Amino acid sequence: MSQKPIKVFIVEDDPMVADINKRMVEKVKPFKVVGLASNEQEGLAKIGETKPDLVLLDVYLTKGNGLSLLQFLRQKEIPCDVILITAAKDTETIYKTLRYGAIDYIIKPFNLERLEIALKNFLKLRTIMDKKDELSQAELDLFNNNPGVSEKQEKNLPKGVHLLTLNHIVNFLLKEKKPLTCQEIADSLSMSKITVWRYLEFLAESNKVSVDLDYGTVGRPSKKYYVSL
């Protein structure tokens, strides 16, 4: 089943940068750019029309100011999240944007991988919040770039268990709404069952996932795994 598109609006007065950001955003599924604006007033009008989930916002605009736009969005309680992408790097501006509720701040010039990280973090939080009415501290920590096992813990992983694969499996389970068998997980990730089983058993021993036994009707019970937070 395909994910519902996440609508993104870009406020950027440099057409070349706006185009680069648009192409980068749409490389990351399920993000979809629904509009562009080059100044504050146009941004306000089009954000009201398109109702995006996420706004990528520059501070320095030829007409108007991104901070004023962000403040207006918050005053009117318009339900969209905002990531700043701007050359402004003074602490006063950064502090104001965070106080106004920006969820991330990217300083120009930036590596496009940094934008991808911001989008994936946003997607991670949306996925968790769409599944639950309340969040635990562990779930919030996952949003703050700490999925599964951290890089600091990588040196303690057993032989044959690699950090990227481990976190790939954890992030997959985070998106699922029900416990899955090892075979179901392996099929979804196009991985071998024995490899996935090895990682799942390690995660279970580390209390990163929980295991339910499904007794079914005949034969031995099957294990079903889900993220335990």
Protein backbone atom coordinates (compact mmCIF):
# COMPACT_ATOMS: atom_id res chain seq x y z
CA MET A 1 0.00 0.00 0.00
CA SER A 2 1.50 3.35 -1.04
CA GLN A 3 2.02 6.13 1.47
CA LYS A 4 -0.13 9.23 1.38
CA PRO A 5 1.84 12.09 -0.24
CA ILE A 6 3.35 14.68 2.09
CA LYS A 7 2.66 18.11 0.58
CA VAL A 8 5.59 20.56 0.57
CA PHE A 9 5.58 24.27 -0.21
CA ILE A 10 8.82 26.16 -0.96
CA VAL A 11 9.35 29.87 -0.25
CA GLU A 12 12.61 30.90 -1.96
CA ASP A 13 13.37 34.00 -4.04
CA ASP A 14 16.26 32.47 -6.01
CA PRO A 15 14.64 30.52 -8.88
CA MET A 16 17.66 28.24 -9.30
CA VAL A 17 17.76 27.31 -5.60
CA ALA A 18 13.98 26.82 -5.59
CA ASP A 19 14.25 24.42 -8.53
CA ILE A 20 17.11 22.48 -6.93
CA ASN A 21 15.19 22.17 -3.68
CA LYS A 22 12.06 21.04 -5.52
CA ARG A 23 13.94 18.32 -7.39
CA MET A 24 15.66 17.18 -4.21
CA VAL A 25 12.40 17.04 -2.25
CA GLU A 26 10.64 14.96 -4.88
CA LYS A 27 13.45 12.39 -4.89
CA VAL A 28 12.39 11.46 -1.35
CA LYS A 29 9.12 9.54 -1.26
CA PRO A 30 6.35 10.35 -0.44
CA PHE A 31 7.13 14.11 -0.54
CA LYS A 32 5.43 16.16 -3.26
CA VAL A 33 5.99 19.88 -3.92
CA VAL A 34 2.60 21.56 -4.28
CA GLY A 35 3.73 25.14 -4.80
CA LEU A 36 6.49 27.75 -4.96
CA ALA A 37 6.61 31.39 -3.88
CA SER A 38 9.34 34.02 -4.12
CA ASN A 39 8.10 36.53 -1.55
CA GLU A 40 6.26 36.80 1.76
CA GLN A 41 2.81 37.84 0.51
CA GLU A 42 2.75 35.29 -2.30
CA GLY A 43 3.86 32.64 0.18
CA LEU A 44 1.09 33.47 2.63
CA ALA A 45 -1.57 33.40 -0.08
CA LYS A 46 -0.44 30.15 -1.69
CA ILE A 47 0.16 28.35 1.60
CA GLY A 48 -3.45 29.16 2.47
CA GLU A 49 -4.58 27.72 -0.87
CA THR A 50 -2.42 24.58 -1.03
CA LYS A 51 -2.50 23.67 2.70
CA PRO A 52 0.93 21.98 2.76
CA ASP A 53 2.14 19.65 5.48
CA LEU A 54 5.63 21.15 5.37
CA VAL A 55 7.07 24.53 4.31
CA LEU A 56 10.71 25.03 3.28
CA LEU A 57 11.35 28.67 4.07
CA ASP A 58 14.11 31.20 3.37
CA VAL A 59 14.58 34.15 5.75
CA TYR A 60 15.98 36.62 3.23
CA LEU A 61 13.37 37.42 0.58
CA THR A 62 13.38 40.18 -2.03
CA LYS A 63 9.96 41.25 -0.80
CA GLY A 64 9.17 40.58 2.83
CA ASN A 65 10.88 38.35 5.37
CA GLY A 66 10.66 34.66 6.14
CA LEU A 67 10.58 35.28 9.90
CA SER A 68 7.45 37.40 9.53
CA LEU A 69 5.85 34.68 7.44
CA LEU A 70 6.72 32.02 10.03
CA GLN A 71 5.38 34.20 12.85
CA PHE A 72 2.11 34.73 10.95
CA LEU A 73 1.70 30.98 10.39
CA ARG A 74 2.06 30.38 14.11
CA GLN A 75 -0.20 33.25 15.18
CA LYS A 76 -2.95 31.96 12.90
CA GLU A 77 -2.26 28.36 14.03
CA ILE A 78 -1.97 27.20 10.43
CA PRO A 79 -1.25 23.45 10.70
CA CYS A 80 2.02 23.05 8.82
CA ASP A 81 5.58 22.39 9.90
CA VAL A 82 8.47 24.59 8.79
CA ILE A 83 12.11 23.91 7.95
CA LEU A 84 14.34 26.95 7.41
CA ILE A 85 16.77 26.87 4.47
CA THR A 86 18.63 30.17 4.59
CA ALA A 87 21.95 31.98 4.60
CA ALA A 88 21.01 33.64 7.91
CA LYS A 89 23.24 32.18 10.60
CA ASP A 90 23.22 34.80 13.36
CA THR A 91 22.14 33.40 16.70
CA GLU A 92 19.28 35.89 17.11
CA THR A 93 17.60 34.75 13.88
CA ILE A 94 18.16 31.08 14.68
CA TYR A 95 16.75 31.55 18.17
CA LYS A 96 13.66 33.32 16.85
CA THR A 97 12.89 30.63 14.29
CA LEU A 98 13.15 27.92 16.92
CA ARG A 99 10.98 29.95 19.27
CA TYR A 100 8.40 30.27 16.48
CA GLY A 101 8.39 26.49 16.10
CA ALA A 102 10.65 25.65 13.14
CA ILE A 103 11.50 21.94 13.31
CA ASP A 104 14.89 22.23 11.58
CA TYR A 105 17.34 24.87 10.37
CA ILE A 106 19.63 24.41 7.35
CA ILE A 107 22.29 27.04 6.61
CA LYS A 108 23.19 27.89 2.99
CA PRO A 109 25.26 26.76 1.24
CA PHE A 110 24.26 23.27 2.30
CA ASN A 111 24.87 19.70 1.27
CA LEU A 112 21.77 18.25 -0.37
CA GLU A 113 22.20 15.19 1.84
CA ARG A 114 21.44 17.47 4.80
CA LEU A 115 18.06 18.33 3.27
CA GLU A 116 17.36 14.65 2.73
CA ILE A 117 18.14 13.96 6.39
CA ALA A 118 15.73 16.73 7.45
CA LEU A 119 12.96 15.31 5.25
CA LYS A 120 13.48 11.77 6.49
CA ASN A 121 13.46 12.93 10.10
CA PHE A 122 10.18 14.73 9.44
CA LEU A 123 8.75 11.61 7.79
CA LYS A 124 9.90 9.51 10.73
CA LEU A 125 8.06 11.75 13.20
CA ARG A 126 4.92 11.88 11.04
CA THR A 127 4.91 8.09 10.77
CA ILE A 128 5.13 7.68 14.54
CA MET A 129 2.55 10.37 15.30
CA ASP A 130 0.06 9.03 12.77
CA LYS A 131 0.13 5.67 14.55
CA LYS A 132 -0.30 6.86 18.14
CA ASP A 133 -2.10 9.40 20.30
CA GLU A 134 0.83 9.62 22.73
CA LEU A 135 4.60 9.38 22.31
CA SER A 136 7.20 7.97 24.65
CA GLN A 137 10.63 9.48 25.27
CA ALA A 138 12.16 6.66 23.23
CA GLU A 139 9.97 7.51 20.25
CA LEU A 140 10.96 11.18 20.45
CA ASP A 141 14.60 10.11 20.63
CA LEU A 142 14.07 8.14 17.42
CA PHE A 143 12.94 11.35 15.74
CA ASN A 144 16.06 13.12 16.98
CA ASN A 145 18.23 11.01 14.68
CA ASN A 146 18.64 8.04 17.02
CA PRO A 147 16.92 5.12 15.26
CA GLY A 148 17.57 1.65 16.64
CA VAL A 149 21.23 1.67 17.60
CA SER A 150 23.49 4.73 17.55
CA GLU A 151 26.84 5.01 15.80
CA LYS A 152 28.52 5.12 19.22
CA GLN A 153 27.10 1.67 19.91
CA GLU A 154 28.19 0.24 16.56
CA LYS A 155 31.53 -1.01 17.92
CA ASN A 156 29.61 -3.21 20.38
CA LEU A 157 27.55 -4.95 17.71
CA PRO A 158 28.16 -8.70 17.34
CA LYS A 159 29.95 -10.08 14.29
CA GLY A 160 27.73 -10.10 11.20
CA VAL A 161 25.40 -7.35 12.48
CA HIS A 162 25.85 -4.01 10.74
CA LEU A 163 24.46 -0.65 11.85
CA LEU A 164 22.86 0.45 8.56
CA THR A 165 21.01 -2.84 8.08
CA LEU A 166 19.95 -2.89 11.72
CA ASN A 167 18.46 0.58 11.59
CA HIS A 168 16.87 -0.15 8.21
CA ILE A 169 14.93 -3.00 9.83
CA VAL A 170 14.00 -0.89 12.87
CA ASN A 171 12.74 1.99 10.70
CA PHE A 172 10.68 -0.45 8.63
CA LEU A 173 9.04 -1.86 11.77
CA LEU A 174 8.30 1.65 13.02
CA LYS A 175 6.08 2.21 9.98
CA GLU A 176 4.12 -1.02 10.46
CA LYS A 177 0.86 -1.04 12.39
CA LYS A 178 0.95 -4.72 13.37
CA PRO A 179 3.48 -7.41 14.36
CA LEU A 180 5.06 -9.26 11.44
CA THR A 181 6.77 -12.60 11.01
CA CYS A 182 10.40 -12.86 10.00
CA GLN A 183 9.33 -14.06 6.55
CA GLU A 184 6.96 -11.11 6.07
CA ILE A 185 9.70 -8.66 7.02
CA ALA A 186 12.24 -10.38 4.79
CA ASP A 187 9.86 -10.30 1.82
CA SER A 188 9.06 -6.62 2.33
CA LEU A 189 12.74 -5.66 2.52
CA SER A 190 13.90 -8.06 -0.22
CA MET A 191 16.35 -9.67 2.20
CA SER A 192 17.02 -13.30 3.03
CA LYS A 193 15.00 -14.76 5.89
CA ILE A 194 18.07 -16.02 7.75
CA THR A 195 19.70 -12.56 7.65
CA VAL A 196 16.56 -10.82 8.90
CA TRP A 197 16.12 -13.47 11.61
CA ARG A 198 19.66 -12.81 12.89
CA TYR A 199 18.98 -9.09 13.19
CA LEU A 200 15.55 -9.58 14.74
CA GLU A 201 16.91 -11.90 17.40
CA PHE A 202 19.63 -9.38 18.26
CA LEU A 203 17.04 -6.59 18.48
CA ALA A 204 14.82 -8.75 20.70
CA GLU A 205 17.74 -9.52 23.02
CA SER A 206 18.52 -5.78 23.14
CA ASN A 207 14.85 -4.96 23.96
CA LYS A 208 14.54 -2.90 20.77
CA VAL A 209 11.74 -5.10 19.46
CA SER A 210 9.15 -7.27 21.17
CA VAL A 211 8.04 -10.71 20.10
CA ASP A 212 4.55 -12.19 20.15
CA LEU A 213 3.81 -15.87 19.62
CA ASP A 214 1.06 -16.63 17.10
CA TYR A 215 -0.24 -20.13 17.82
CA GLY A 216 -2.52 -20.26 14.78
CA THR A 217 -4.41 -23.51 14.28
CA VAL A 218 -1.74 -26.15 13.52
CA GLY A 219 1.98 -26.68 13.95
CA ARG A 220 4.47 -24.72 16.00
CA PRO A 221 3.69 -21.11 16.96
CA SER A 222 5.28 -18.45 14.77
CA LYS A 223 7.10 -15.41 16.12
CA LYS A 224 5.85 -11.96 15.22
CA TYR A 225 8.03 -8.89 15.77
CA TYR A 226 7.21 -5.24 16.44
CA VAL A 227 9.03 -2.21 17.79
CA SER A 228 8.83 -2.01 21.56
CA LEU A 229 9.16 1.51 22.89
